[in-house]
Amino acid sequence: MPNHDAVVDLFSTVMSQKGIGYANPTHGTAAPAWADPDLIRDISETVLKGSKRHIGIQSGLETGSSELIKKYMPLKVKPFSPDEWQDVIYNGTRIFNEYYWFPAYTIIIGLPGETAEDAVETVRLIDRMEHGLKKDVGVKSHFTVTPLSFVPLGVLKKSGFYNIDDQVDEARFWVIYRSWRHTVLELHTMPPTLLQLNPALKAIFTTLCWFGSKKILDGIKAWGRRRGFDADKSLRLN
């Protein structure tokens, strides 16, 4: 379990320093949020002091596959089990959102031993979060997902790099497409407090993003079609 008092004391100490009006944890994991929701509440009360600003946190979602989590990152899910990984990510995000935290997740494409079904599980998790969190926390539902290709480091340093252009299959293409598709959706729903813009400027920003983001998604879909992949299938997996 998280060391609740020590973590809250850390943020309290930072916020008590002269000239500090805001603090951001930058990196973290979703498991402690679900394990101790009051920790996220207490950090939020300490940092936000009643404001509706958002707290950003970057976290590795990595994969929707509990088997890959069990194989490579079992400690990332503590105090839960790897078999609960999807629930940990979903409920951790729900708790984050409830207290105005905005998680920016990264996903690894091409982990050693990753199967097409592992990739499909990742797509299903993104889909579950995209639709379910809106029902659970409403307009406070926010997260992004950025796909990254596997780079051999640490205990996996002897494995080969994952070359997306040469090695991508349809299931991994779906992960890429759904990740960027969701991030594009977020561009159109980000609150002014997050963008640090007033509503009028947000409308302009959103319009500009729409034209640019649509081209990005069209480009990803076209890239997939040239390889025989159908992006729209990724919307019908559940």
Foldseek 3Di string as FASTA:
>chain_A
DDPLVVVLVVLLVQCPDPPDQADAPAEDALQVCLVCLVSLVSSLCNGVVPPLAAHEYEYELAFLDLVVCQVPPQVRNPPDGSVCSLVSVQVSLLSNLQSRYEYEYEYEPDDVPDDLVRLLSRLVSLVCLLPVSCVRRNLSRHYAYHYDYDAQDDPRVPPDTDDCVPDPDQSSLLNRLSRLVVVLVRLQSPDCSHVVHDPVVSVVSNVVSVVVSVVVNVVSQVSQVVVVYHNVVSVVPD
